[in-house]
Amino acid sequence: MMGKGNEIPGLYLMAAYDIMEQMCHFPELAIVISFYEIYCGKLFDLLNNREPIICREDAKQKVNIVGLTEKPAESVEDIMHQIQVGLQSRTSGTTGANADSSRSHAIL
């Protein structure tokens, strides 16, 4: 997802460039970033020191993540910075296959 240095850009970076390129066609829109993880059946806000957050479903069966941080982004650099912040907060551990393996599901 993150790529390998300058050699391979990664999906996050390529998507960030595509999103920012399209924004010139929609000047009335703004970009905000939220990033959370699901770990052991609980939700944690990765952009707010892993604060616990809650998933609720309203009467119309719409899912709402209550208490989730939203950070504005006006550039590719803003997007990638928030992704890095979130990834640093993510739960990880060691497995037989990887020295550093994520232990959760992350939603950006």
PDB file of N, CA and C in Angstrom:
ATOM      1  N   MET A   1       0.817  -1.194   0.000  1.00  0.00           N
ATOM      2  CA  MET A   1       0.000   0.000   0.000  1.00  0.00           C
ATOM      3  C   MET A   1       0.865   1.264   0.000  1.00  0.00           C
ATOM      4  N   MET A   2       1.978   1.230   0.741  1.00  0.00           N
ATOM      5  CA  MET A   2       2.840   2.411   0.844  1.00  0.00           C
ATOM      6  C   MET A   2       3.905   2.457  -0.254  1.00  0.00           C
ATOM      7  N   GLY A   3       4.152   1.356  -0.929  1.00  0.00           N
ATOM      8  CA  GLY A   3       5.180   1.329  -1.947  1.00  0.00           C
ATOM      9  C   GLY A   3       6.555   1.120  -1.344  1.00  0.00           C
ATOM     10  N   LYS A   4       7.583   1.293  -2.164  1.00  0.00           N
ATOM     11  CA  LYS A   4       8.960   1.115  -1.712  1.00  0.00           C
ATOM     12  C   LYS A   4       9.773   2.342  -2.080  1.00  0.00           C
ATOM     13  N   GLY A   5       9.857   3.289  -1.142  1.00  0.00           N
ATOM     14  CA  GLY A   5      10.656   4.499  -1.358  1.00  0.00           C
ATOM     15  C   GLY A   5      10.267   5.218  -2.629  1.00  0.00           C
ATOM     16  N   ASN A   6      11.263   5.649  -3.375  1.00  0.00           N
ATOM     17  CA  ASN A   6      11.020   6.354  -4.633  1.00  0.00           C
ATOM     18  C   ASN A   6      10.876   5.402  -5.809  1.00  0.00           C
ATOM     19  N   GLU A   7      11.174   4.114  -5.576  1.00  0.00           N
ATOM     20  CA  GLU A   7      11.131   3.132  -6.654  1.00  0.00           C
ATOM     21  C   GLU A   7       9.709   2.805  -7.095  1.00  0.00           C
ATOM     22  N   ILE A   8       8.865   2.444  -6.123  1.00  0.00           N
ATOM     23  CA  ILE A   8       7.482   2.066  -6.395  1.00  0.00           C
ATOM     24  C   ILE A   8       6.596   2.951  -5.529  1.00  0.00           C
ATOM     25  N   PRO A   9       5.730   3.772  -6.140  1.00  0.00           N
ATOM     26  CA  PRO A   9       5.005   4.776  -5.369  1.00  0.00           C
ATOM     27  C   PRO A   9       3.982   4.239  -4.367  1.00  0.00           C
ATOM     28  N   GLY A  10       3.351   3.135  -4.599  1.00  0.00           N
ATOM     29  CA  GLY A  10       2.340   2.617  -3.679  1.00  0.00           C
ATOM     30  C   GLY A  10       0.953   3.136  -4.008  1.00  0.00           C
ATOM     31  N   LEU A  11      -0.049   2.384  -3.595  1.00  0.00           N
ATOM     32  CA  LEU A  11      -1.429   2.729  -3.929  1.00  0.00           C
ATOM     33  C   LEU A  11      -1.912   4.003  -3.254  1.00  0.00           C
ATOM     34  N   TYR A  12      -1.516   4.219  -1.998  1.00  0.00           N
ATOM     35  CA  TYR A  12      -1.952   5.439  -1.311  1.00  0.00           C
ATOM     36  C   TYR A  12      -1.481   6.684  -2.061  1.00  0.00           C
ATOM     37  N   LEU A  13      -0.224   6.717  -2.448  1.00  0.00           N
ATOM     38  CA  LEU A  13       0.324   7.888  -3.133  1.00  0.00           C
ATOM     39  C   LEU A  13      -0.314   8.078  -4.507  1.00  0.00           C
ATOM     40  N   MET A  14      -0.468   6.993  -5.261  1.00  0.00           N
ATOM     41  CA  MET A  14      -1.089   7.117  -6.580  1.00  0.00           C
ATOM     42  C   MET A  14      -2.535   7.593  -6.460  1.00  0.00           C
ATOM     43  N   ALA A  15      -3.266   7.082  -5.469  1.00  0.00           N
ATOM     44  CA  ALA A  15      -4.652   7.518  -5.261  1.00  0.00           C
ATOM     45  C   ALA A  15      -4.704   8.986  -4.845  1.00  0.00           C
ATOM     46  N   ALA A  16      -3.762   9.407  -3.987  1.00  0.00           N
ATOM     47  CA  ALA A  16      -3.722  10.811  -3.549  1.00  0.00           C
ATOM     48  C   ALA A  16      -3.515  11.735  -4.744  1.00  0.00           C
ATOM     49  N   TYR A  17      -2.607  11.377  -5.644  1.00  0.00           N
ATOM     50  CA  TYR A  17      -2.394  12.192  -6.851  1.00  0.00           C
ATOM     51  C   TYR A  17      -3.662  12.232  -7.703  1.00  0.00           C
ATOM     52  N   ASP A  18      -4.324  11.093  -7.883  1.00  0.00           N
ATOM     53  CA  ASP A  18      -5.541  11.053  -8.686  1.00  0.00           C
ATOM     54  C   ASP A  18      -6.646  11.914  -8.064  1.00  0.00           C
ATOM     55  N   ILE A  19      -6.798  11.818  -6.748  1.00  0.00           N
ATOM     56  CA  ILE A  19      -7.826  12.599  -6.062  1.00  0.00           C
ATOM     57  C   ILE A  19      -7.562  14.094  -6.235  1.00  0.00           C
ATOM     58  N   MET A  20      -6.337  14.516  -5.999  1.00  0.00           N
ATOM     59  CA  MET A  20      -6.018  15.942  -6.102  1.00  0.00           C
ATOM     60  C   MET A  20      -6.161  16.437  -7.544  1.00  0.00           C
ATOM     61  N   GLU A  21      -5.833  15.598  -8.499  1.00  0.00           N
ATOM     62  CA  GLU A  21      -5.983  15.973  -9.908  1.00  0.00           C
ATOM     63  C   GLU A  21      -7.460  16.207 -10.245  1.00  0.00           C
ATOM     64  N   GLN A  22      -8.334  15.390  -9.702  1.00  0.00           N
ATOM     65  CA  GLN A  22      -9.770  15.520  -9.975  1.00  0.00           C
ATOM     66  C   GLN A  22     -10.410  16.696  -9.244  1.00  0.00           C
ATOM     67  N   MET A  23      -9.794  17.141  -8.151  1.00  0.00           N
ATOM     68  CA  MET A  23     -10.383  18.224  -7.360  1.00  0.00           C
ATOM     69  C   MET A  23     -10.518  19.525  -8.148  1.00  0.00           C
ATOM     70  N   CYS A  24      -9.695  19.740  -9.166  1.00  0.00           N
ATOM     71  CA  CYS A  24      -9.813  20.971  -9.952  1.00  0.00           C
ATOM     72  C   CYS A  24     -11.155  21.028 -10.700  1.00  0.00           C
ATOM     73  N   HIS A  25     -11.785  19.872 -10.891  1.00  0.00           N
ATOM     74  CA  HIS A  25     -13.088  19.824 -11.561  1.00  0.00           C
ATOM     75  C   HIS A  25     -14.249  20.046 -10.595  1.00  0.00           C
ATOM     76  N   PHE A  26     -13.963  20.033  -9.294  1.00  0.00           N
ATOM     77  CA  PHE A  26     -15.002  20.151  -8.274  1.00  0.00           C
ATOM     78  C   PHE A  26     -14.574  21.145  -7.188  1.00  0.00           C
ATOM     79  N   PRO A  27     -14.465  22.428  -7.529  1.00  0.00           N
ATOM     80  CA  PRO A  27     -13.970  23.413  -6.561  1.00  0.00           C
ATOM     81  C   PRO A  27     -14.865  23.592  -5.333  1.00  0.00           C
ATOM     82  N   GLU A  28     -16.113  23.151  -5.427  1.00  0.00           N
ATOM     83  CA  GLU A  28     -17.027  23.287  -4.289  1.00  0.00           C
ATOM     84  C   GLU A  28     -16.811  22.202  -3.223  1.00  0.00           C
ATOM     85  N   LEU A  29     -15.993  21.206  -3.522  1.00  0.00           N
ATOM     86  CA  LEU A  29     -15.741  20.104  -2.579  1.00  0.00           C
ATOM     87  C   LEU A  29     -14.472  20.329  -1.776  1.00  0.00           C
ATOM     88  N   ALA A  30     -14.430  19.702  -0.630  1.00  0.00           N
ATOM     89  CA  ALA A  30     -13.233  19.715   0.216  1.00  0.00           C
ATOM     90  C   ALA A  30     -12.903  18.274   0.588  1.00  0.00           C
ATOM     91  N   ILE A  31     -11.652  18.029   0.839  1.00  0.00           N
ATOM     92  CA  ILE A  31     -11.206  16.696   1.234  1.00  0.00           C
ATOM     93  C   ILE A  31     -10.928  16.686   2.726  1.00  0.00           C
ATOM     94  N   VAL A  32     -11.475  15.683   3.400  1.00  0.00           N
ATOM     95  CA  VAL A  32     -11.131  15.434   4.796  1.00  0.00           C
ATOM     96  C   VAL A  32     -10.733  13.966   4.911  1.00  0.00           C
ATOM     97  N   ILE A  33      -9.811  13.707   5.819  1.00  0.00           N
ATOM     98  CA  ILE A  33      -9.290  12.359   5.993  1.00  0.00           C
ATOM     99  C   ILE A  33      -9.636  11.856   7.386  1.00  0.00           C
ATOM    100  N   SER A  34     -10.115  10.638   7.438  1.00  0.00           N
ATOM    101  CA  SER A  34     -10.317   9.917   8.691  1.00  0.00           C
ATOM    102  C   SER A  34      -9.608   8.574   8.523  1.00  0.00           C
ATOM    103  N   PHE A  35      -9.115   8.041   9.626  1.00  0.00           N
ATOM    104  CA  PHE A  35      -8.359   6.795   9.566  1.00  0.00           C
ATOM    105  C   PHE A  35      -8.584   6.076  10.890  1.00  0.00           C
ATOM    106  N   TYR A  36      -9.170   4.891  10.825  1.00  0.00           N
ATOM    107  CA  TYR A  36      -9.393   4.140  12.053  1.00  0.00           C
ATOM    108  C   TYR A  36      -9.066   2.672  11.838  1.00  0.00           C
ATOM    109  N   GLU A  37      -8.902   1.955  12.949  1.00  0.00           N
ATOM    110  CA  GLU A  37      -8.628   0.531  12.864  1.00  0.00           C
ATOM    111  C   GLU A  37      -9.663  -0.243  13.673  1.00  0.00           C
ATOM    112  N   ILE A  38      -9.870  -1.469  13.242  1.00  0.00           N
ATOM    113  CA  ILE A  38     -10.696  -2.410  13.984  1.00  0.00           C
ATOM    114  C   ILE A  38      -9.738  -3.454  14.540  1.00  0.00           C
ATOM    115  N   TYR A  39      -9.674  -3.522  15.861  1.00  0.00           N
ATOM    116  CA  TYR A  39      -8.753  -4.437  16.525  1.00  0.00           C
ATOM    117  C   TYR A  39      -9.492  -5.122  17.669  1.00  0.00           C
ATOM    118  N   CYS A  40      -9.519  -6.433  17.644  1.00  0.00           N
ATOM    119  CA  CYS A  40     -10.219  -7.230  18.667  1.00  0.00           C
ATOM    120  C   CYS A  40     -11.678  -6.791  18.819  1.00  0.00           C
ATOM    121  N   GLY A  41     -12.325  -6.485  17.690  1.00  0.00           N
ATOM    122  CA  GLY A  41     -13.727  -6.123  17.708  1.00  0.00           C
ATOM    123  C   GLY A  41     -14.023  -4.713  18.185  1.00  0.00           C
ATOM    124  N   LYS A  42     -12.977  -3.907  18.422  1.00  0.00           N
ATOM    125  CA  LYS A  42     -13.152  -2.517  18.870  1.00  0.00           C
ATOM    126  C   LYS A  42     -12.568  -1.574  17.827  1.00  0.00           C
ATOM    127  N   LEU A  43     -13.077  -0.335  17.806  1.00  0.00           N
ATOM    128  CA  LEU A  43     -12.619   0.673  16.858  1.00  0.00           C
ATOM    129  C   LEU A  43     -11.765   1.707  17.567  1.00  0.00           C
ATOM    130  N   PHE A  44     -10.673   2.122  16.886  1.00  0.00           N
ATOM    131  CA  PHE A  44      -9.750   3.105  17.436  1.00  0.00           C
ATOM    132  C   PHE A  44      -9.411   4.139  16.371  1.00  0.00           C
ATOM    133  N   ASP A  45      -9.453   5.416  16.754  1.00  0.00           N
ATOM    134  CA  ASP A  45      -9.158   6.532  15.860  1.00  0.00           C
ATOM    135  C   ASP A  45      -7.642   6.664  15.712  1.00  0.00           C
ATOM    136  N   LEU A  46      -7.124   6.406  14.529  1.00  0.00           N
ATOM    137  CA  LEU A  46      -5.681   6.449  14.303  1.00  0.00           C
ATOM    138  C   LEU A  46      -5.136   7.864  14.155  1.00  0.00           C
ATOM    139  N   LEU A  47      -6.005   8.849  14.016  1.00  0.00           N
ATOM    140  CA  LEU A  47      -5.553  10.236  13.919  1.00  0.00           C
ATOM    141  C   LEU A  47      -5.765  10.989  15.226  1.00  0.00           C
ATOM    142  N   ASN A  48      -6.145  10.258  16.277  1.00  0.00           N
ATOM    143  CA  ASN A  48      -6.359  10.872  17.584  1.00  0.00           C
ATOM    144  C   ASN A  48      -5.866   9.929  18.691  1.00  0.00           C
ATOM    145  N   ASN A  49      -4.599   9.556  18.619  1.00  0.00           N
ATOM    146  CA  ASN A  49      -3.940   8.764  19.671  1.00  0.00           C
ATOM    147  C   ASN A  49      -4.667   7.475  20.021  1.00  0.00           C
ATOM    148  N   ARG A  50      -5.245   6.828  19.012  1.00  0.00           N
ATOM    149  CA  ARG A  50      -5.963   5.560  19.208  1.00  0.00           C
ATOM    150  C   ARG A  50      -7.122   5.682  20.198  1.00  0.00           C
ATOM    151  N   GLU A  51      -7.748   6.832  20.250  1.00  0.00           N
ATOM    152  CA  GLU A  51      -8.923   6.992  21.106  1.00  0.00           C
ATOM    153  C   GLU A  51     -10.008   6.025  20.646  1.00  0.00           C
ATOM    154  N   PRO A  52     -10.676   5.370  21.588  1.00  0.00           N
ATOM    155  CA  PRO A  52     -11.776   4.476  21.199  1.00  0.00           C
ATOM    156  C   PRO A  52     -12.916   5.271  20.554  1.00  0.00           C
ATOM    157  N   ILE A  53     -13.507   4.697  19.541  1.00  0.00           N
ATOM    158  CA  ILE A  53     -14.659   5.294  18.871  1.00  0.00           C
ATOM    159  C   ILE A  53     -15.742   4.226  18.763  1.00  0.00           C
ATOM    160  N   ILE A  54     -16.934   4.647  18.407  1.00  0.00           N
ATOM    161  CA  ILE A  54     -18.077   3.739  18.424  1.00  0.00           C
ATOM    162  C   ILE A  54     -18.737   3.695  17.042  1.00  0.00           C
ATOM    163  N   CYS A  55     -19.143   2.508  16.658  1.00  0.00           N
ATOM    164  CA  CYS A  55     -19.895   2.315  15.419  1.00  0.00           C
ATOM    165  C   CYS A  55     -21.366   2.134  15.789  1.00  0.00           C
ATOM    166  N   ARG A  56     -22.228   2.960  15.192  1.00  0.00           N
ATOM    167  CA  ARG A  56     -23.663   2.875  15.454  1.00  0.00           C
ATOM    168  C   ARG A  56     -24.416   2.828  14.137  1.00  0.00           C
ATOM    169  N   GLU A  57     -25.567   2.219  14.173  1.00  0.00           N
ATOM    170  CA  GLU A  57     -26.439   2.171  13.010  1.00  0.00           C
ATOM    171  C   GLU A  57     -27.705   2.944  13.346  1.00  0.00           C
ATOM    172  N   ASP A  58     -28.098   3.878  12.456  1.00  0.00           N
ATOM    173  CA  ASP A  58     -29.286   4.676  12.728  1.00  0.00           C
ATOM    174  C   ASP A  58     -30.555   3.959  12.245  1.00  0.00           C
ATOM    175  N   ALA A  59     -31.697   4.618  12.392  1.00  0.00           N
ATOM    176  CA  ALA A  59     -32.982   4.023  12.038  1.00  0.00           C
ATOM    177  C   ALA A  59     -33.095   3.686  10.552  1.00  0.00           C
ATOM    178  N   LYS A  60     -32.303   4.364   9.727  1.00  0.00           N
ATOM    179  CA  LYS A  60     -32.312   4.097   8.286  1.00  0.00           C
ATOM    180  C   LYS A  60     -31.241   3.086   7.887  1.00  0.00           C
ATOM    181  N   GLN A  61     -30.672   2.425   8.880  1.00  0.00           N
ATOM    182  CA  GLN A  61     -29.622   1.418   8.716  1.00  0.00           C
ATOM    183  C   GLN A  61     -28.345   1.993   8.111  1.00  0.00           C
ATOM    184  N   LYS A  62     -28.106   3.276   8.342  1.00  0.00           N
ATOM    185  CA  LYS A  62     -26.868   3.916   7.923  1.00  0.00           C
ATOM    186  C   LYS A  62     -25.847   3.791   9.058  1.00  0.00           C
ATOM    187  N   VAL A  63     -24.659   3.352   8.723  1.00  0.00           N
ATOM    188  CA  VAL A  63     -23.611   3.173   9.726  1.00  0.00           C
ATOM    189  C   VAL A  63     -22.918   4.505   9.978  1.00  0.00           C
ATOM    190  N   ASN A  64     -22.735   4.838  11.246  1.00  0.00           N
ATOM    191  CA  ASN A  64     -22.051   6.064  11.654  1.00  0.00           C
ATOM    192  C   ASN A  64     -20.928   5.710  12.613  1.00  0.00           C
ATOM    193  N   ILE A  65     -19.752   6.267  12.371  1.00  0.00           N
ATOM    194  CA  ILE A  65     -18.626   6.099  13.279  1.00  0.00           C
ATOM    195  C   ILE A  65     -18.592   7.349  14.153  1.00  0.00           C
ATOM    196  N   VAL A  66     -18.982   7.197  15.398  1.00  0.00           N
ATOM    197  CA  VAL A  66     -19.146   8.318  16.316  1.00  0.00           C
ATOM    198  C   VAL A  66     -17.814   8.685  16.951  1.00  0.00           C
ATOM    199  N   GLY A  67     -17.462   9.976  16.869  1.00  0.00           N
ATOM    200  CA  GLY A  67     -16.234  10.473  17.484  1.00  0.00           C
ATOM    201  C   GLY A  67     -15.011  10.401  16.598  1.00  0.00           C
ATOM    202  N   LEU A  68     -15.171  10.071  15.342  1.00  0.00           N
ATOM    203  CA  LEU A  68     -14.041   9.916  14.423  1.00  0.00           C
ATOM    204  C   LEU A  68     -13.482  11.278  14.009  1.00  0.00           C
ATOM    205  N   THR A  69     -12.182  11.431  14.100  1.00  0.00           N
ATOM    206  CA  THR A  69     -11.498  12.661  13.719  1.00  0.00           C
ATOM    207  C   THR A  69     -11.505  12.832  12.203  1.00  0.00           C
ATOM    208  N   GLU A  70     -11.706  14.062  11.749  1.00  0.00           N
ATOM    209  CA  GLU A  70     -11.609  14.397  10.331  1.00  0.00           C
ATOM    210  C   GLU A  70     -10.559  15.490  10.183  1.00  0.00           C
ATOM    211  N   LYS A  71      -9.521  15.226   9.383  1.00  0.00           N
ATOM    212  CA  LYS A  71      -8.449  16.195   9.147  1.00  0.00           C
ATOM    213  C   LYS A  71      -8.561  16.718   7.718  1.00  0.00           C
ATOM    214  N   PRO A  72      -8.528  18.041   7.533  1.00  0.00           N
ATOM    215  CA  PRO A  72      -8.589  18.590   6.173  1.00  0.00           C
ATOM    216  C   PRO A  72      -7.304  18.284   5.399  1.00  0.00           C
ATOM    217  N   ALA A  73      -7.453  18.138   4.098  1.00  0.00           N
ATOM    218  CA  ALA A  73      -6.295  17.910   3.227  1.00  0.00           C
ATOM    219  C   ALA A  73      -6.442  18.757   1.979  1.00  0.00           C
ATOM    220  N   GLU A  74      -5.406  19.528   1.683  1.00  0.00           N
ATOM    221  CA  GLU A  74      -5.436  20.390   0.508  1.00  0.00           C
ATOM    222  C   GLU A  74      -4.365  20.028  -0.510  1.00  0.00           C
ATOM    223  N   SER A  75      -3.574  18.986  -0.203  1.00  0.00           N
ATOM    224  CA  SER A  75      -2.499  18.594  -1.112  1.00  0.00           C
ATOM    225  C   SER A  75      -2.192  17.115  -0.943  1.00  0.00           C
ATOM    226  N   VAL A  76      -1.442  16.580  -1.872  1.00  0.00           N
ATOM    227  CA  VAL A  76      -0.970  15.198  -1.771  1.00  0.00           C
ATOM    228  C   VAL A  76      -0.149  15.030  -0.500  1.00  0.00           C
ATOM    229  N   GLU A  77       0.663  16.034  -0.184  1.00  0.00           N
ATOM    230  CA  GLU A  77       1.505  15.967   1.009  1.00  0.00           C
ATOM    231  C   GLU A  77       0.662  15.892   2.277  1.00  0.00           C
ATOM    232  N   ASP A  78      -0.444  16.641   2.328  1.00  0.00           N
ATOM    233  CA  ASP A  78      -1.351  16.583   3.477  1.00  0.00           C
ATOM    234  C   ASP A  78      -1.928  15.170   3.640  1.00  0.00           C
ATOM    235  N   ILE A  79      -2.360  14.599   2.543  1.00  0.00           N
ATOM    236  CA  ILE A  79      -2.939  13.249   2.578  1.00  0.00           C
ATOM    237  C   ILE A  79      -1.908  12.253   3.084  1.00  0.00           C
ATOM    238  N   MET A  80      -0.710  12.288   2.502  1.00  0.00           N
ATOM    239  CA  MET A  80       0.320  11.319   2.880  1.00  0.00           C
ATOM    240  C   MET A  80       0.784  11.517   4.320  1.00  0.00           C
ATOM    241  N   HIS A  81       0.801  12.754   4.791  1.00  0.00           N
ATOM    242  CA  HIS A  81       1.177  13.012   6.186  1.00  0.00           C
ATOM    243  C   HIS A  81       0.179  12.349   7.139  1.00  0.00           C
ATOM    244  N   GLN A  82      -1.104  12.524   6.868  1.00  0.00           N
ATOM    245  CA  GLN A  82      -2.122  11.927   7.742  1.00  0.00           C
ATOM    246  C   GLN A  82      -2.072  10.402   7.692  1.00  0.00           C
ATOM    247  N   ILE A  83      -1.783   9.851   6.533  1.00  0.00           N
ATOM    248  CA  ILE A  83      -1.640   8.397   6.432  1.00  0.00           C
ATOM    249  C   ILE A  83      -0.463   7.929   7.283  1.00  0.00           C
ATOM    250  N   GLN A  84       0.662   8.639   7.212  1.00  0.00           N
ATOM    251  CA  GLN A  84       1.825   8.275   8.031  1.00  0.00           C
ATOM    252  C   GLN A  84       1.507   8.361   9.520  1.00  0.00           C
ATOM    253  N   VAL A  85       0.820   9.411   9.937  1.00  0.00           N
ATOM    254  CA  VAL A  85       0.421   9.560  11.344  1.00  0.00           C
ATOM    255  C   VAL A  85      -0.408   8.355  11.769  1.00  0.00           C
ATOM    256  N   GLY A  86      -1.380   7.999  10.957  1.00  0.00           N
ATOM    257  CA  GLY A  86      -2.247   6.869  11.280  1.00  0.00           C
ATOM    258  C   GLY A  86      -1.508   5.549  11.323  1.00  0.00           C
ATOM    259  N   LEU A  87      -0.625   5.333  10.368  1.00  0.00           N
ATOM    260  CA  LEU A  87       0.117   4.069  10.327  1.00  0.00           C
ATOM    261  C   LEU A  87       1.023   3.905  11.544  1.00  0.00           C
ATOM    262  N   GLN A  88       1.557   5.000  12.050  1.00  0.00           N
ATOM    263  CA  GLN A  88       2.405   4.928  13.236  1.00  0.00           C
ATOM    264  C   GLN A  88       1.618   4.520  14.474  1.00  0.00           C
ATOM    265  N   SER A  89       0.328   4.817  14.495  1.00  0.00           N
ATOM    266  CA  SER A  89      -0.519   4.470  15.637  1.00  0.00           C
ATOM    267  C   SER A  89      -1.109   3.073  15.539  1.00  0.00           C
ATOM    268  N   ARG A  90      -1.000   2.469  14.384  1.00  0.00           N
ATOM    269  CA  ARG A  90      -1.643   1.183  14.130  1.00  0.00           C
ATOM    270  C   ARG A  90      -1.034   0.058  14.948  1.00  0.00           C
ATOM    271  N   THR A  91      -1.864  -0.874  15.376  1.00  0.00           N
ATOM    272  CA  THR A  91      -1.409  -2.036  16.134  1.00  0.00           C
ATOM    273  C   THR A  91      -0.659  -2.981  15.204  1.00  0.00           C
ATOM    274  N   SER A  92       0.543  -3.374  15.618  1.00  0.00           N
ATOM    275  CA  SER A  92       1.335  -4.310  14.820  1.00  0.00           C
ATOM    276  C   SER A  92       2.055  -5.275  15.748  1.00  0.00           C
ATOM    277  N   GLY A  93       2.586  -6.340  15.175  1.00  0.00           N
ATOM    278  CA  GLY A  93       3.311  -7.342  15.949  1.00  0.00           C
ATOM    279  C   GLY A  93       4.153  -8.194  15.032  1.00  0.00           C
ATOM    280  N   THR A  94       4.818  -9.168  15.601  1.00  0.00           N
ATOM    281  CA  THR A  94       5.696 -10.056  14.844  1.00  0.00           C
ATOM    282  C   THR A  94       4.987 -11.368  14.558  1.00  0.00           C
ATOM    283  N   THR A  95       5.142 -11.848  13.323  1.00  0.00           N
ATOM    284  CA  THR A  95       4.603 -13.158  12.954  1.00  0.00           C
ATOM    285  C   THR A  95       5.741 -13.985  12.383  1.00  0.00           C
ATOM    286  N   GLY A  96       5.461 -15.232  12.085  1.00  0.00           N
ATOM    287  CA  GLY A  96       6.466 -16.094  11.476  1.00  0.00           C
ATOM    288  C   GLY A  96       6.875 -15.632  10.089  1.00  0.00           C
ATOM    289  N   ALA A  97       5.988 -14.937   9.412  1.00  0.00           N
ATOM    290  CA  ALA A  97       6.255 -14.487   8.043  1.00  0.00           C
ATOM    291  C   ALA A  97       6.810 -13.075   7.977  1.00  0.00           C
ATOM    292  N   ASN A  98       6.471 -12.213   8.963  1.00  0.00           N
ATOM    293  CA  ASN A  98       6.863 -10.812   8.912  1.00  0.00           C
ATOM    294  C   ASN A  98       7.355 -10.326  10.272  1.00  0.00           C
ATOM    295  N   ALA A  99       8.393  -9.498  10.244  1.00  0.00           N
ATOM    296  CA  ALA A  99       8.893  -8.903  11.485  1.00  0.00           C
ATOM    297  C   ALA A  99       7.942  -7.833  11.999  1.00  0.00           C
ATOM    298  N   ASP A 100       7.240  -7.165  11.085  1.00  0.00           N
ATOM    299  CA  ASP A 100       6.298  -6.117  11.470  1.00  0.00           C
ATOM    300  C   ASP A 100       5.018  -6.305  10.671  1.00  0.00           C
ATOM    301  N   SER A 101       4.030  -6.902  11.291  1.00  0.00           N
ATOM    302  CA  SER A 101       2.781  -7.226  10.614  1.00  0.00           C
ATOM    303  C   SER A 101       1.618  -6.521  11.299  1.00  0.00           C
ATOM    304  N   SER A 102       0.710  -5.925  10.507  1.00  0.00           N
ATOM    305  CA  SER A 102      -0.450  -5.271  11.116  1.00  0.00           C
ATOM    306  C   SER A 102      -1.317  -6.333  11.783  1.00  0.00           C
ATOM    307  N   ARG A 103      -1.900  -5.979  12.900  1.00  0.00           N
ATOM    308  CA  ARG A 103      -2.733  -6.898  13.671  1.00  0.00           C
ATOM    309  C   ARG A 103      -4.191  -6.453  13.640  1.00  0.00           C
ATOM    310  N   SER A 104      -4.509  -5.537  12.742  1.00  0.00           N
ATOM    311  CA  SER A 104      -5.860  -4.995  12.694  1.00  0.00           C
ATOM    312  C   SER A 104      -6.279  -4.748  11.253  1.00  0.00           C
ATOM    313  N   HIS A 105      -7.533  -4.347  11.091  1.00  0.00           N
ATOM    314  CA  HIS A 105      -8.041  -3.888   9.803  1.00  0.00           C
ATOM    315  C   HIS A 105      -8.074  -2.362   9.888  1.00  0.00           C
ATOM    316  N   ALA A 106      -7.562  -1.696   8.876  1.00  0.00           N
ATOM    317  CA  ALA A 106      -7.537  -0.231   8.875  1.00  0.00           C
ATOM    318  C   ALA A 106      -8.439   0.300   7.769  1.00  0.00           C
ATOM    319  N   ILE A 107      -9.161   1.379   8.092  1.00  0.00           N
ATOM    320  CA  ILE A 107     -10.065   2.009   7.138  1.00  0.00           C
ATOM    321  C   ILE A 107      -9.680   3.467   7.013  1.00  0.00           C
ATOM    322  N   LEU A 108      -9.372   3.895   5.797  1.00  0.00           N
ATOM    323  CA  LEU A 108      -8.962   5.273   5.522  1.00  0.00           C
ATOM    324  C   LEU A 108     -10.111   5.972   4.830  1.00  0.00           C
TER     325      LEU A 108
END
